[in-house]
Amino acid sequence: MSLLQKHLYILEAARSFLTKQAYLSDLCVEIQQIAAPTNAEQKRAAWVETFFQKLGLEDIFQDEVHNVYARIPGQNATSTPALLVSAHTDTVFPMETDLSIRIDPATHWIHGPAIGDNSAGVAGLVALAQLLMQMRANGAAPPVDIWLVANTGEEGLGDLRGMRAAVERLQPQIGASIVLEGMGLGRVVYQGLGSRRYRITAKAPGGHSWSDFGTASAIHVLTQIAADLTRLKAAPKPRTTFNVGRIWGGRSVNTIAQEAALELDLRSEAAETLENIVSQTLAIVKRYQSKRWTQQGVEVLIEEIGNRPTGAIEANHPLVQAAKAALTASDLDVRRAATMSSTDANIPLSLGIPSVCVGITEGADAHRLSEGINPALLPQGMQHLTLLTWWAARWLAGQENAPEGAEK
């Protein structure tokens, strides 16, 4: 018996909702129109909080980092772990970005900054809340509590701030986690790609490019550091990468720079190899903190600006198998690649909490102004999410094993 056949009564209670493609599309656009760059998610958080209040969810509140929490009470909330379902509210686009939407007349895809990452993910979260409350009203309450969290700080230098706060607050109660991204439908991420990020700053006396020639320049020092960083030895397996993503400094073309800085991203599939390339980086910086450079008035500083921990569950874990079975039951293909990524799931995975990250629909051009999603797949994406959420709640209550016939 397939996952869909086993829980067909759950979907029957909400079938009319799941076929409302236009409603789900409009929800994505409504959320996308609320600018929410990392560290400025307050307006979008307020919208989610109001939506939850209208649905009548319980224990609705915002924390100090503007995460929005709400709880759907389960049948057996006191003796079993709860399920966490989350979606990040922040986007990579600055507040002043033009958020105009364009519909492709040929494909009917919706295009606009952050429509997929992560407006569609937030839409999936609030639509799930609406659907579960409808099911609960029809006598199908989940067997355990389900906490819904619209969290902040997933992108860039947000450093998973929101998810860290959410898991810290709820960890004693949480037995499993489902993380929603707007794009990537068919992908099941269950391995957290670790990363460390640093800002390296060089300071020097500087001066006039002619009269003070020979005085130490922060830019000259920093470019030497950057050149050394390009020679870092990155392990091919487990795969490890490095990237100098930004570099800036100086005042004018005829000024010897007094200050310059760069930002470095280090990633690896394994904690050990990540620590190795971090050690190499620190050794490079230390060379530029030696007496040879301090005598010239050079000061080099390094600051950690991001730390995303690694973590994983096995491919044959029941939660992974259920996510794949729910895709098959929703007539969707399971993507074979991209089981590892850097997402909010890194936090629960690093703490031993079973977690998967799944998408709501297909998308393209992530983090570009032309970002787009396929609205036609939103109902199937919601069906997949509903099946997975219901299965996970029953699994936490001890009412489910790994899905029959799931691939190993």
Protein backbone atom coordinates (compact mmCIF):
# COMPACT_ATOMS: atom_id res chain seq x y z
CA MET A 1 0.00 0.00 0.00
CA SER A 2 1.48 3.36 -1.02
CA LEU A 3 1.83 6.33 1.30
CA LEU A 4 -0.93 8.12 -0.63
CA GLN A 5 -3.33 5.16 -0.43
CA LYS A 6 -2.64 4.74 3.27
CA HIS A 7 -3.45 8.35 4.08
CA LEU A 8 -5.89 9.17 1.30
CA TYR A 9 -8.50 10.25 3.85
CA ILE A 10 -6.18 13.04 4.97
CA LEU A 11 -6.03 14.51 1.49
CA GLU A 12 -9.76 14.05 0.89
CA ALA A 13 -10.39 16.45 3.77
CA ALA A 14 -8.41 19.15 1.97
CA ARG A 15 -8.63 18.14 -1.70
CA SER A 16 -10.44 21.32 -2.76
CA PHE A 17 -7.72 23.40 -1.13
CA LEU A 18 -4.89 21.46 -2.81
CA THR A 19 -6.31 22.10 -6.28
CA LYS A 20 -6.41 25.87 -5.84
CA GLN A 21 -3.37 26.74 -7.94
CA ALA A 22 -4.43 30.37 -8.37
CA TYR A 23 -4.83 30.80 -4.61
CA LEU A 24 -1.38 29.36 -3.91
CA SER A 25 0.17 31.50 -6.68
CA ASP A 26 -1.46 34.64 -5.32
CA LEU A 27 -0.18 33.76 -1.86
CA CYS A 28 3.39 33.50 -3.18
CA VAL A 29 3.11 36.91 -4.87
CA GLU A 30 1.51 38.57 -1.83
CA ILE A 31 4.41 37.46 0.33
CA GLN A 32 7.01 38.33 -2.34
CA GLN A 33 5.74 41.92 -2.41
CA ILE A 34 6.85 42.39 1.22
CA ALA A 35 10.56 43.22 1.13
CA ALA A 36 12.49 41.12 3.65
CA PRO A 37 16.27 41.42 3.30
CA THR A 38 18.30 39.62 5.94
CA ASN A 39 18.23 41.65 9.19
CA ALA A 40 15.08 43.50 8.07
CA GLU A 41 12.40 40.81 8.03
CA GLN A 42 10.02 42.55 10.47
CA LYS A 43 7.26 43.45 7.98
CA ARG A 44 7.09 39.95 6.54
CA ALA A 45 7.16 38.50 10.06
CA ALA A 46 4.21 40.71 11.01
CA TRP A 47 2.28 39.49 7.96
CA VAL A 48 2.87 35.85 8.93
CA GLU A 49 1.88 36.52 12.53
CA THR A 50 -1.41 38.11 11.41
CA PHE A 51 -2.10 35.17 9.07
CA PHE A 52 -1.54 32.68 11.90
CA GLN A 53 -3.83 34.70 14.20
CA LYS A 54 -6.64 34.65 11.63
CA LEU A 55 -6.36 30.87 11.42
CA GLY A 56 -6.73 30.50 15.18
CA LEU A 57 -3.45 28.73 15.83
CA GLU A 58 -2.19 28.53 19.41
CA ASP A 59 0.87 29.97 21.18
CA ILE A 60 1.53 32.58 18.47
CA PHE A 61 4.43 34.90 19.25
CA GLN A 62 7.56 36.57 17.90
CA ASP A 63 10.93 36.20 19.56
CA GLU A 64 13.76 38.73 19.78
CA VAL A 65 15.09 37.90 16.29
CA HIS A 66 11.61 38.18 14.70
CA ASN A 67 10.95 34.48 14.29
CA VAL A 68 7.20 33.85 14.25
CA TYR A 69 5.98 30.77 16.13
CA ALA A 70 2.61 29.01 16.15
CA ARG A 71 1.43 25.63 17.40
CA ILE A 72 -1.17 23.20 16.09
CA PRO A 73 -2.15 21.06 19.09
CA GLY A 74 -1.84 17.32 18.67
CA GLN A 75 -3.91 14.52 20.12
CA ASN A 76 -1.09 13.41 22.41
CA ALA A 77 0.94 16.53 23.00
CA THR A 78 2.24 15.75 26.49
CA SER A 79 4.00 12.41 26.05
CA THR A 80 5.52 12.51 22.56
CA PRO A 81 8.04 14.77 20.79
CA ALA A 82 6.67 17.55 18.58
CA LEU A 83 7.32 18.16 14.89
CA LEU A 84 8.91 21.41 13.67
CA VAL A 85 8.06 22.74 10.20
CA SER A 86 9.85 25.93 9.19
CA ALA A 87 10.53 28.33 6.31
CA HIS A 88 12.88 31.29 6.31
CA THR A 89 11.41 34.74 5.71
CA ASP A 90 14.55 36.58 4.61
CA THR A 91 15.76 37.18 1.06
CA VAL A 92 19.06 38.21 -0.55
CA PHE A 93 17.63 41.36 -2.13
CA PRO A 94 18.13 44.86 -0.64
CA MET A 95 15.14 46.84 0.59
CA GLU A 96 15.17 49.15 -2.45
CA THR A 97 14.88 46.29 -4.98
CA ASP A 98 12.09 46.62 -7.54
CA LEU A 99 9.79 43.70 -6.72
CA SER A 100 7.69 43.89 -9.87
CA ILE A 101 6.25 40.56 -11.02
CA ARG A 102 6.27 39.25 -14.60
CA ILE A 103 4.26 36.31 -15.94
CA ASP A 104 5.87 34.50 -18.87
CA PRO A 105 3.14 34.25 -21.54
CA ALA A 106 4.57 31.03 -22.96
CA THR A 107 5.36 29.04 -19.79
CA HIS A 108 3.08 30.87 -17.30
CA TRP A 109 5.99 30.92 -14.85
CA ILE A 110 5.97 33.75 -12.30
CA HIS A 111 9.16 35.83 -12.24
CA GLY A 112 10.30 38.34 -9.65
CA PRO A 113 13.05 38.83 -7.06
CA ALA A 114 12.73 36.28 -4.21
CA ILE A 115 9.52 34.74 -5.57
CA GLY A 116 11.04 31.32 -5.04
CA ASP A 117 13.65 31.90 -2.33
CA ASN A 118 11.87 32.07 -0.15
CA SER A 119 8.44 33.63 -0.74
CA ALA A 120 7.09 30.33 -2.08
CA GLY A 121 8.53 28.54 0.96
CA VAL A 122 6.74 30.90 3.35
CA ALA A 123 3.57 30.49 1.27
CA GLY A 124 3.93 26.73 1.70
CA LEU A 125 4.26 27.14 5.46
CA VAL A 126 1.16 29.29 5.93
CA ALA A 127 -0.84 27.21 3.44
CA LEU A 128 0.12 24.11 5.42
CA ALA A 129 -1.12 25.82 8.58
CA GLN A 130 -4.42 26.62 6.88
CA LEU A 131 -4.77 23.07 5.56
CA LEU A 132 -3.94 21.39 8.88
CA MET A 133 -6.39 23.60 10.75
CA GLN A 134 -9.07 22.67 8.21
CA MET A 135 -8.28 19.00 8.73
CA ARG A 136 -8.35 19.46 12.50
CA ALA A 137 -11.78 21.08 12.25
CA ASN A 138 -12.92 17.99 10.33
CA GLY A 139 -11.80 15.70 13.15
CA ALA A 140 -8.31 14.85 11.89
CA ALA A 141 -6.02 16.46 14.47
CA PRO A 142 -2.34 15.46 14.19
CA PRO A 143 -1.17 12.86 16.73
CA VAL A 144 1.52 15.22 18.11
CA ASP A 145 2.00 18.96 18.36
CA ILE A 146 3.21 20.64 15.17
CA TRP A 147 5.21 23.83 15.64
CA LEU A 148 5.28 26.15 12.63
CA VAL A 149 8.11 28.68 12.55
CA ALA A 150 8.74 31.44 10.01
CA ASN A 151 12.37 32.09 10.85
CA THR A 152 14.79 34.88 9.99
CA GLY A 153 18.46 35.05 9.07
CA GLU A 154 18.96 32.08 6.74
CA GLU A 155 20.64 33.90 3.87
CA GLY A 156 24.23 35.11 3.64
CA LEU A 157 25.59 36.59 6.85
CA GLY A 158 22.35 35.79 8.64
CA ASP A 159 24.29 32.65 9.59
CA LEU A 160 21.10 30.64 10.31
CA ARG A 161 20.42 32.99 13.21
CA GLY A 162 16.68 32.41 13.21
CA MET A 163 16.85 28.63 13.12
CA ARG A 164 19.47 28.59 15.87
CA ALA A 165 17.09 30.58 18.09
CA ALA A 166 14.08 28.45 17.17
CA VAL A 167 15.79 25.12 17.85
CA GLU A 168 17.30 26.40 21.09
CA ARG A 169 13.85 27.47 22.27
CA LEU A 170 11.98 24.34 21.15
CA GLN A 171 14.72 21.68 21.33
CA PRO A 172 13.41 19.90 24.45
CA GLN A 173 10.14 19.29 22.58
CA ILE A 174 11.29 18.68 18.99
CA GLY A 175 11.75 15.15 17.68
CA ALA A 176 12.04 15.90 13.95
CA SER A 177 12.15 18.85 11.57
CA ILE A 178 10.97 19.65 8.04
CA VAL A 179 12.54 22.73 6.42
CA LEU A 180 10.79 24.36 3.46
CA GLU A 181 12.42 26.06 0.51
CA GLY A 182 10.30 27.54 -2.27
CA MET A 183 12.27 25.91 -5.05
CA GLY A 184 13.81 22.47 -5.52
CA LEU A 185 10.68 20.31 -5.61
CA GLY A 186 11.79 16.68 -5.87
CA ARG A 187 15.00 17.28 -3.95
CA VAL A 188 15.38 15.80 -0.47
CA VAL A 189 18.27 17.32 1.47
CA TYR A 190 19.31 15.37 4.56
CA GLN A 191 23.01 16.30 4.83
CA GLY A 192 24.15 19.71 6.03
CA LEU A 193 27.05 21.27 4.14
CA GLY A 194 29.31 22.93 6.70
CA SER A 195 30.81 26.37 6.19
CA ARG A 196 32.96 28.92 8.01
CA ARG A 197 33.12 32.53 6.92
CA TYR A 198 35.71 35.14 7.82
CA ARG A 199 36.32 38.84 7.38
CA ILE A 200 40.03 39.65 7.15
CA THR A 201 40.94 43.30 7.65
CA ALA A 202 44.31 44.95 6.98
CA LYS A 203 45.25 48.32 8.49
CA ALA A 204 48.33 50.35 7.61
CA PRO A 205 49.73 53.90 7.91
CA GLY A 206 48.80 54.82 4.32
CA GLY A 207 49.34 58.27 2.88
CA HIS A 208 49.83 60.09 -0.44
CA SER A 209 50.70 57.89 -3.40
CA TRP A 210 53.63 60.16 -4.39
CA SER A 211 55.01 61.84 -1.31
CA ASP A 212 54.53 58.83 0.98
CA PHE A 213 55.57 56.15 -1.51
CA GLY A 214 57.06 53.17 0.33
CA THR A 215 54.69 53.46 3.27
CA ALA A 216 52.74 50.26 3.88
CA SER A 217 49.40 50.03 2.10
CA ALA A 218 46.46 48.06 3.50
CA ILE A 219 45.39 47.11 -0.01
CA HIS A 220 48.86 45.86 -0.97
CA VAL A 221 48.95 43.72 2.18
CA LEU A 222 45.44 42.43 1.67
CA THR A 223 46.04 41.46 -1.95
CA GLN A 224 49.06 39.45 -0.85
CA ILE A 225 46.87 37.68 1.70
CA ALA A 226 44.24 37.05 -0.97
CA ALA A 227 46.89 35.61 -3.30
CA ASP A 228 48.01 33.25 -0.53
CA LEU A 229 44.41 32.21 0.08
CA THR A 230 44.03 31.18 -3.56
CA ARG A 231 46.72 28.59 -2.89
CA LEU A 232 44.83 26.90 -0.05
CA LYS A 233 44.85 23.10 -0.37
CA ALA A 234 41.22 22.07 -0.63
CA ALA A 235 40.52 18.37 -0.24
CA PRO A 236 38.81 16.87 -3.31
CA LYS A 237 37.12 14.27 -1.09
CA PRO A 238 35.27 14.96 1.13
CA ARG A 239 34.68 17.88 -1.21
CA THR A 240 36.04 21.17 0.19
CA THR A 241 35.93 24.64 -1.38
CA PHE A 242 37.06 28.21 -0.72
CA ASN A 243 36.10 31.55 -2.21
CA VAL A 244 37.07 35.19 -1.66
CA GLY A 245 33.64 36.64 -2.30
CA ARG A 246 34.15 40.34 -1.57
CA ILE A 247 37.08 42.71 -1.28
CA TRP A 248 37.09 46.45 -0.65
CA GLY A 249 39.13 49.33 0.73
CA GLY A 250 41.05 52.50 -0.01
CA ARG A 251 39.92 56.08 -0.51
CA SER A 252 41.11 57.19 -3.95
CA VAL A 253 43.40 56.21 -6.79
CA ASN A 254 46.17 58.45 -5.46
CA THR A 255 45.88 57.43 -1.80
CA ILE A 256 47.89 54.70 -0.12
CA ALA A 257 45.11 52.74 1.60
CA GLN A 258 44.85 52.80 5.37
CA GLU A 259 42.27 50.02 5.54
CA ALA A 260 41.02 47.19 3.34
CA ALA A 261 39.04 44.02 3.94
CA LEU A 262 37.89 40.81 2.29
CA GLU A 263 35.32 38.14 3.06
CA LEU A 264 36.18 34.47 2.71
CA ASP A 265 33.83 31.49 2.43
CA LEU A 266 35.11 28.01 3.33
CA ARG A 267 32.94 24.90 2.84
CA SER A 268 33.30 21.17 3.24
CA GLU A 269 31.20 18.03 3.32
CA ALA A 270 32.94 16.89 6.53
CA ALA A 271 33.81 18.65 9.77
CA GLU A 272 37.40 17.35 9.77
CA THR A 273 38.29 18.66 6.31
CA LEU A 274 36.54 21.94 7.08
CA GLU A 275 38.70 22.38 10.17
CA ASN A 276 41.79 21.58 8.08
CA ILE A 277 41.17 24.39 5.61
CA VAL A 278 40.28 26.73 8.48
CA SER A 279 43.66 25.92 10.06
CA GLN A 280 45.42 26.71 6.79
CA THR A 281 43.61 30.07 6.65
CA LEU A 282 44.52 30.98 10.21
CA ALA A 283 48.17 30.09 9.52
CA ILE A 284 48.24 32.48 6.55
CA VAL A 285 46.79 35.30 8.61
CA LYS A 286 49.24 34.61 11.42
CA ARG A 287 52.18 35.15 9.05
CA TYR A 288 50.91 38.67 8.38
CA GLN A 289 50.62 39.32 12.10
CA SER A 290 54.34 38.72 12.63
CA LYS A 291 56.97 41.25 13.68
CA ARG A 292 58.02 41.78 10.06
CA TRP A 293 54.64 43.41 9.36
CA THR A 294 53.94 45.08 12.69
CA GLN A 295 57.23 46.97 12.40
CA GLN A 296 55.80 48.57 9.24
CA GLY A 297 52.70 49.62 11.13
CA VAL A 298 50.54 46.87 9.60
CA GLU A 299 47.76 45.29 11.62
CA VAL A 300 45.85 42.27 10.30
CA LEU A 301 42.65 41.18 11.98
CA ILE A 302 40.44 38.15 11.35
CA GLU A 303 36.83 37.84 12.46
CA GLU A 304 34.54 34.85 12.11
CA ILE A 305 31.30 36.05 10.52
CA GLY A 306 29.63 32.71 9.82
CA ASN A 307 29.66 29.18 11.15
CA ARG A 308 27.24 26.66 9.67
CA PRO A 309 27.76 23.26 11.31
CA THR A 310 27.73 19.95 9.47
CA GLY A 311 25.28 17.18 10.25
CA ALA A 312 23.44 14.38 8.50
CA ILE A 313 21.10 11.44 8.74
CA GLU A 314 21.46 8.30 6.66
CA ALA A 315 19.85 7.89 3.24
CA ASN A 316 17.79 5.01 4.62
CA HIS A 317 16.49 7.00 7.59
CA PRO A 318 12.67 6.68 7.83
CA LEU A 319 12.21 10.46 7.44
CA VAL A 320 14.25 10.50 4.21
CA GLN A 321 12.40 7.48 2.88
CA ALA A 322 9.04 9.05 3.76
CA ALA A 323 9.98 12.26 1.94
CA LYS A 324 10.80 10.24 -1.19
CA ALA A 325 7.67 8.10 -0.88
CA ALA A 326 5.54 11.23 -0.53
CA LEU A 327 7.04 12.57 -3.76
CA THR A 328 6.21 9.36 -5.60
CA ALA A 329 2.70 9.38 -4.16
CA SER A 330 2.28 12.94 -5.48
CA ASP A 331 3.34 11.91 -9.01
CA LEU A 332 6.64 13.72 -8.67
CA ASP A 333 10.12 12.51 -9.55
CA VAL A 334 12.74 12.09 -6.85
CA ARG A 335 15.89 13.99 -7.74
CA ARG A 336 18.98 11.85 -7.32
CA ALA A 337 21.41 14.73 -6.80
CA ALA A 338 21.76 17.50 -4.23
CA THR A 339 21.19 15.50 -1.05
CA MET A 340 23.66 17.86 0.64
CA SER A 341 23.24 21.62 0.91
CA SER A 342 23.62 24.52 3.32
CA THR A 343 20.12 25.19 4.67
CA ASP A 344 18.33 25.80 7.95
CA ALA A 345 18.33 22.01 8.35
CA ASN A 346 22.05 22.24 9.25
CA ILE A 347 21.11 23.32 12.77
CA PRO A 348 18.80 20.46 13.81
CA LEU A 349 20.97 17.93 11.95
CA SER A 350 24.08 19.11 13.82
CA LEU A 351 22.22 18.50 17.10
CA GLY A 352 21.10 15.00 16.18
CA ILE A 353 17.51 15.96 15.35
CA PRO A 354 16.32 14.13 12.21
CA SER A 355 15.62 16.74 9.55
CA VAL A 356 14.99 17.08 5.82
CA CYS A 357 14.75 20.11 3.58
CA VAL A 358 12.23 19.95 0.72
CA GLY A 359 10.93 22.29 -1.98
CA ILE A 360 7.42 23.49 -2.81
CA THR A 361 7.75 23.90 -6.59
CA GLU A 362 10.25 24.07 -9.44
CA GLY A 363 12.26 27.25 -9.79
CA ALA A 364 15.08 28.90 -11.70
CA ASP A 365 17.53 31.82 -11.48
CA ALA A 366 17.77 31.76 -7.70
CA HIS A 367 19.15 34.99 -6.20
CA ARG A 368 18.73 36.82 -9.53
CA LEU A 369 16.26 39.56 -10.42
CA SER A 370 14.80 37.11 -12.96
CA GLU A 371 14.09 34.44 -10.31
CA GLY A 372 11.05 32.35 -11.26
CA ILE A 373 8.74 29.54 -10.14
CA ASN A 374 6.37 27.15 -11.87
CA PRO A 375 2.93 27.78 -10.31
CA ALA A 376 1.41 24.70 -11.95
CA LEU A 377 3.33 22.44 -9.54
CA LEU A 378 2.28 24.23 -6.35
CA PRO A 379 -0.71 21.91 -5.66
CA GLN A 380 1.49 18.82 -6.03
CA GLY A 381 4.16 20.43 -3.88
CA MET A 382 1.56 21.04 -1.18
CA GLN A 383 0.29 17.47 -1.48
CA HIS A 384 3.84 16.22 -0.97
CA LEU A 385 4.34 18.49 2.04
CA THR A 386 1.03 17.48 3.59
CA LEU A 387 1.72 13.77 3.23
CA LEU A 388 5.25 14.15 4.64
CA THR A 389 4.08 16.30 7.56
CA TRP A 390 1.29 13.89 8.47
CA TRP A 391 3.59 10.87 8.21
CA ALA A 392 6.27 12.56 10.36
CA ALA A 393 3.73 13.43 13.06
CA ARG A 394 2.51 9.82 13.15
CA TRP A 395 6.11 8.54 13.16
CA LEU A 396 6.93 10.67 16.20
CA ALA A 397 3.86 9.24 17.91
CA GLY A 398 5.13 5.71 17.24
CA GLN A 399 2.36 5.03 14.71
CA GLU A 400 4.56 4.71 11.58
CA ASN A 401 7.62 2.79 10.42
CA ALA A 402 9.66 3.38 7.26
CA PRO A 403 7.29 3.46 4.24
CA GLU A 404 6.77 0.12 2.55
CA GLY A 405 8.65 -0.23 -0.70
CA ALA A 406 10.72 2.89 -0.10
CA GLU A 407 14.10 2.87 -1.82
CA LYS A 408 17.14 2.22 0.36
